Amino acid sequence: LLLTEPQDFSPGQFIQISNQLAKQQNDLKIVSITQLPTTKTFETTTSDQMKHFSVYQYNFNLVREGNYFSVLNYLEQLGQLGWPILLSNFDIKREGNILHVNIQCNVLTTTRN
């Protein structure tokens, strides 16, 4: 798993781009996007060079509505952003041809000192 450096990622940038991708889909509605608390998932210091290494997980909750293909296309585009994105919770409810999708999305980044 390739992790991005912090300067390559910002929560605001992720929110903006994920909303732009949703708007590109004709039949996809942006219901909400919420930034959840960021967590430090791993931390270590190497003894040979005394370098500090941390992994941070930025967490978001995305709620979208649309037909099957608009949701599928959106998720494919989201996965091609170049950031390591994990979908840790994925809830789909169907009403007729409309899917109500609630996604907990996590982006991992690193820091090195």
C-alpha atoms as a PDB file:
ATOM      1  CA  LEU A   1       0.000   0.000   0.000  1.00  0.00           C
ATOM      2  CA  LEU A   2       1.494   3.285  -1.130  1.00  0.00           C
ATOM      3  CA  LEU A   3       0.874   6.133   1.316  1.00  0.00           C
ATOM      4  CA  THR A   4       0.854   9.782   0.371  1.00  0.00           C
ATOM      5  CA  GLU A   5       2.919  12.498   1.978  1.00  0.00           C
ATOM      6  CA  PRO A   6       0.882  15.130   3.882  1.00  0.00           C
ATOM      7  CA  GLN A   7       1.678  17.917   1.413  1.00  0.00           C
ATOM      8  CA  ASP A   8      -0.080  15.840  -1.261  1.00  0.00           C
ATOM      9  CA  PHE A   9      -3.333  15.670   0.689  1.00  0.00           C
ATOM     10  CA  SER A  10      -5.664  18.020   2.491  1.00  0.00           C
ATOM     11  CA  PRO A  11      -9.156  17.240   3.829  1.00  0.00           C
ATOM     12  CA  GLY A  12     -10.598  20.315   2.122  1.00  0.00           C
ATOM     13  CA  GLN A  13      -9.129  19.239  -1.184  1.00  0.00           C
ATOM     14  CA  PHE A  14     -10.627  15.753  -0.803  1.00  0.00           C
ATOM     15  CA  ILE A  15     -14.072  17.185  -0.046  1.00  0.00           C
ATOM     16  CA  GLN A  16     -13.902  19.531  -3.031  1.00  0.00           C
ATOM     17  CA  ILE A  17     -12.723  16.847  -5.475  1.00  0.00           C
ATOM     18  CA  SER A  18     -15.165  14.177  -4.261  1.00  0.00           C
ATOM     19  CA  ASN A  19     -18.036  16.641  -4.712  1.00  0.00           C
ATOM     20  CA  GLN A  20     -16.787  17.614  -8.181  1.00  0.00           C
ATOM     21  CA  LEU A  21     -16.679  13.929  -9.169  1.00  0.00           C
ATOM     22  CA  ALA A  22     -20.242  13.462  -7.918  1.00  0.00           C
ATOM     23  CA  LYS A  23     -21.438  16.478  -9.932  1.00  0.00           C
ATOM     24  CA  GLN A  24     -19.961  14.945 -13.092  1.00  0.00           C
ATOM     25  CA  GLN A  25     -22.427  12.052 -12.799  1.00  0.00           C
ATOM     26  CA  ASN A  26     -25.768  12.999 -14.337  1.00  0.00           C
ATOM     27  CA  ASP A  27     -27.904  10.936 -11.965  1.00  0.00           C
ATOM     28  CA  LEU A  28     -25.959  11.302  -8.712  1.00  0.00           C
ATOM     29  CA  LYS A  29     -27.068  13.618  -5.912  1.00  0.00           C
ATOM     30  CA  ILE A  30     -24.717  14.909  -3.204  1.00  0.00           C
ATOM     31  CA  VAL A  31     -26.626  14.515   0.050  1.00  0.00           C
ATOM     32  CA  SER A  32     -23.743  15.272   2.425  1.00  0.00           C
ATOM     33  CA  ILE A  33     -20.060  14.919   3.180  1.00  0.00           C
ATOM     34  CA  THR A  34     -18.754  15.140   6.719  1.00  0.00           C
ATOM     35  CA  GLN A  35     -15.153  15.148   7.906  1.00  0.00           C
ATOM     36  CA  LEU A  36     -14.830  12.888  10.937  1.00  0.00           C
ATOM     37  CA  PRO A  37     -11.960  13.069  13.454  1.00  0.00           C
ATOM     38  CA  THR A  38      -8.478  12.310  12.128  1.00  0.00           C
ATOM     39  CA  THR A  39      -6.610   9.503  13.874  1.00  0.00           C
ATOM     40  CA  LYS A  40      -2.943   8.596  14.157  1.00  0.00           C
ATOM     41  CA  THR A  41      -2.913   4.895  13.300  1.00  0.00           C
ATOM     42  CA  PHE A  42       0.805   4.094  13.564  1.00  0.00           C
ATOM     43  CA  GLU A  43       3.957   5.702  14.900  1.00  0.00           C
ATOM     44  CA  THR A  44       7.551   4.528  15.136  1.00  0.00           C
ATOM     45  CA  THR A  45      11.098   5.817  15.404  1.00  0.00           C
ATOM     46  CA  THR A  46      13.962   4.004  13.710  1.00  0.00           C
ATOM     47  CA  SER A  47      16.946   3.434  15.963  1.00  0.00           C
ATOM     48  CA  ASP A  48      19.648   3.644  13.301  1.00  0.00           C
ATOM     49  CA  GLN A  49      18.911   7.155  12.100  1.00  0.00           C
ATOM     50  CA  MET A  50      16.410   8.301  14.746  1.00  0.00           C
ATOM     51  CA  LYS A  51      13.803   9.142  12.125  1.00  0.00           C
ATOM     52  CA  HIS A  52      10.215   9.481  13.198  1.00  0.00           C
ATOM     53  CA  PHE A  53       7.451   7.978  11.034  1.00  0.00           C
ATOM     54  CA  SER A  54       3.682   8.341  11.550  1.00  0.00           C
ATOM     55  CA  VAL A  55       0.579   7.263   9.621  1.00  0.00           C
ATOM     56  CA  TYR A  56      -2.565   9.382   9.854  1.00  0.00           C
ATOM     57  CA  GLN A  57      -6.055   8.350   8.835  1.00  0.00           C
ATOM     58  CA  TYR A  58      -8.386  11.100   7.607  1.00  0.00           C
ATOM     59  CA  ASN A  59     -11.994   9.988   7.920  1.00  0.00           C
ATOM     60  CA  PHE A  60     -15.029  11.130   5.943  1.00  0.00           C
ATOM     61  CA  ASN A  61     -18.662  10.128   5.720  1.00  0.00           C
ATOM     62  CA  LEU A  62     -20.107  10.492   2.206  1.00  0.00           C
ATOM     63  CA  VAL A  63     -23.840  10.247   1.517  1.00  0.00           C
ATOM     64  CA  ARG A  64     -24.921  10.045  -2.116  1.00  0.00           C
ATOM     65  CA  GLU A  65     -28.090   9.106  -4.009  1.00  0.00           C
ATOM     66  CA  GLY A  66     -28.337   7.891  -7.573  1.00  0.00           C
ATOM     67  CA  ASN A  67     -28.834   5.014  -9.935  1.00  0.00           C
ATOM     68  CA  TYR A  68     -26.560   1.986  -9.964  1.00  0.00           C
ATOM     69  CA  PHE A  69     -24.288   3.167 -12.772  1.00  0.00           C
ATOM     70  CA  SER A  70     -23.830   6.708 -11.463  1.00  0.00           C
ATOM     71  CA  VAL A  71     -22.825   5.333  -8.040  1.00  0.00           C
ATOM     72  CA  LEU A  72     -20.489   2.770  -9.640  1.00  0.00           C
ATOM     73  CA  ASN A  73     -18.828   5.394 -11.870  1.00  0.00           C
ATOM     74  CA  TYR A  74     -18.418   7.756  -8.910  1.00  0.00           C
ATOM     75  CA  LEU A  75     -16.728   5.068  -6.787  1.00  0.00           C
ATOM     76  CA  GLU A  76     -14.409   4.118  -9.646  1.00  0.00           C
ATOM     77  CA  GLN A  77     -13.357   7.758 -10.105  1.00  0.00           C
ATOM     78  CA  LEU A  78     -12.871   8.175  -6.361  1.00  0.00           C
ATOM     79  CA  GLY A  79     -10.525   5.185  -6.379  1.00  0.00           C
ATOM     80  CA  GLN A  80      -8.432   6.734  -9.150  1.00  0.00           C
ATOM     81  CA  LEU A  81      -7.588   9.940  -7.268  1.00  0.00           C
ATOM     82  CA  GLY A  82      -4.104   8.711  -6.382  1.00  0.00           C
ATOM     83  CA  TRP A  83      -4.627   8.675  -2.618  1.00  0.00           C
ATOM     84  CA  PRO A  84      -4.885   5.403  -0.675  1.00  0.00           C
ATOM     85  CA  ILE A  85      -8.627   5.349   0.001  1.00  0.00           C
ATOM     86  CA  LEU A  86     -10.233   2.687   2.153  1.00  0.00           C
ATOM     87  CA  LEU A  87     -13.975   2.159   2.312  1.00  0.00           C
ATOM     88  CA  SER A  88     -14.448   1.008   5.887  1.00  0.00           C
ATOM     89  CA  ASN A  89     -18.243   1.107   5.942  1.00  0.00           C
ATOM     90  CA  PHE A  90     -20.553   0.899   2.966  1.00  0.00           C
ATOM     91  CA  ASP A  91     -24.326   0.959   3.418  1.00  0.00           C
ATOM     92  CA  ILE A  92     -26.731   0.822   0.464  1.00  0.00           C
ATOM     93  CA  LYS A  93     -30.495   1.133   0.581  1.00  0.00           C
ATOM     94  CA  ARG A  94     -32.618   0.856  -2.534  1.00  0.00           C
ATOM     95  CA  GLU A  95     -35.885   2.661  -3.264  1.00  0.00           C
ATOM     96  CA  GLY A  96     -37.039   1.776  -6.769  1.00  0.00           C
ATOM     97  CA  ASN A  97     -34.160   2.610  -9.102  1.00  0.00           C
ATOM     98  CA  ILE A  98     -32.493   4.977  -6.620  1.00  0.00           C
ATOM     99  CA  LEU A  99     -29.655   3.859  -4.354  1.00  0.00           C
ATOM    100  CA  HIS A 100     -29.076   5.671  -1.061  1.00  0.00           C
ATOM    101  CA  VAL A 101     -25.371   5.176  -0.361  1.00  0.00           C
ATOM    102  CA  ASN A 102     -23.625   5.956   2.931  1.00  0.00           C
ATOM    103  CA  ILE A 103     -19.864   5.471   2.744  1.00  0.00           C
ATOM    104  CA  GLN A 104     -17.256   5.854   5.443  1.00  0.00           C
ATOM    105  CA  CYS A 105     -14.119   6.672   3.530  1.00  0.00           C
ATOM    106  CA  ASN A 106     -10.601   6.795   4.974  1.00  0.00           C
ATOM    107  CA  VAL A 107      -7.486   8.353   3.403  1.00  0.00           C
ATOM    108  CA  LEU A 108      -4.047   7.392   4.763  1.00  0.00           C
ATOM    109  CA  THR A 109      -1.055   9.749   4.795  1.00  0.00           C
ATOM    110  CA  THR A 110       2.451   9.634   6.276  1.00  0.00           C
ATOM    111  CA  THR A 111       4.797  12.033   8.023  1.00  0.00           C
ATOM    112  CA  ARG A 112       8.541  11.610   8.426  1.00  0.00           C
ATOM    113  CA  ASN A 113      10.804  13.682  10.641  1.00  0.00           C
END
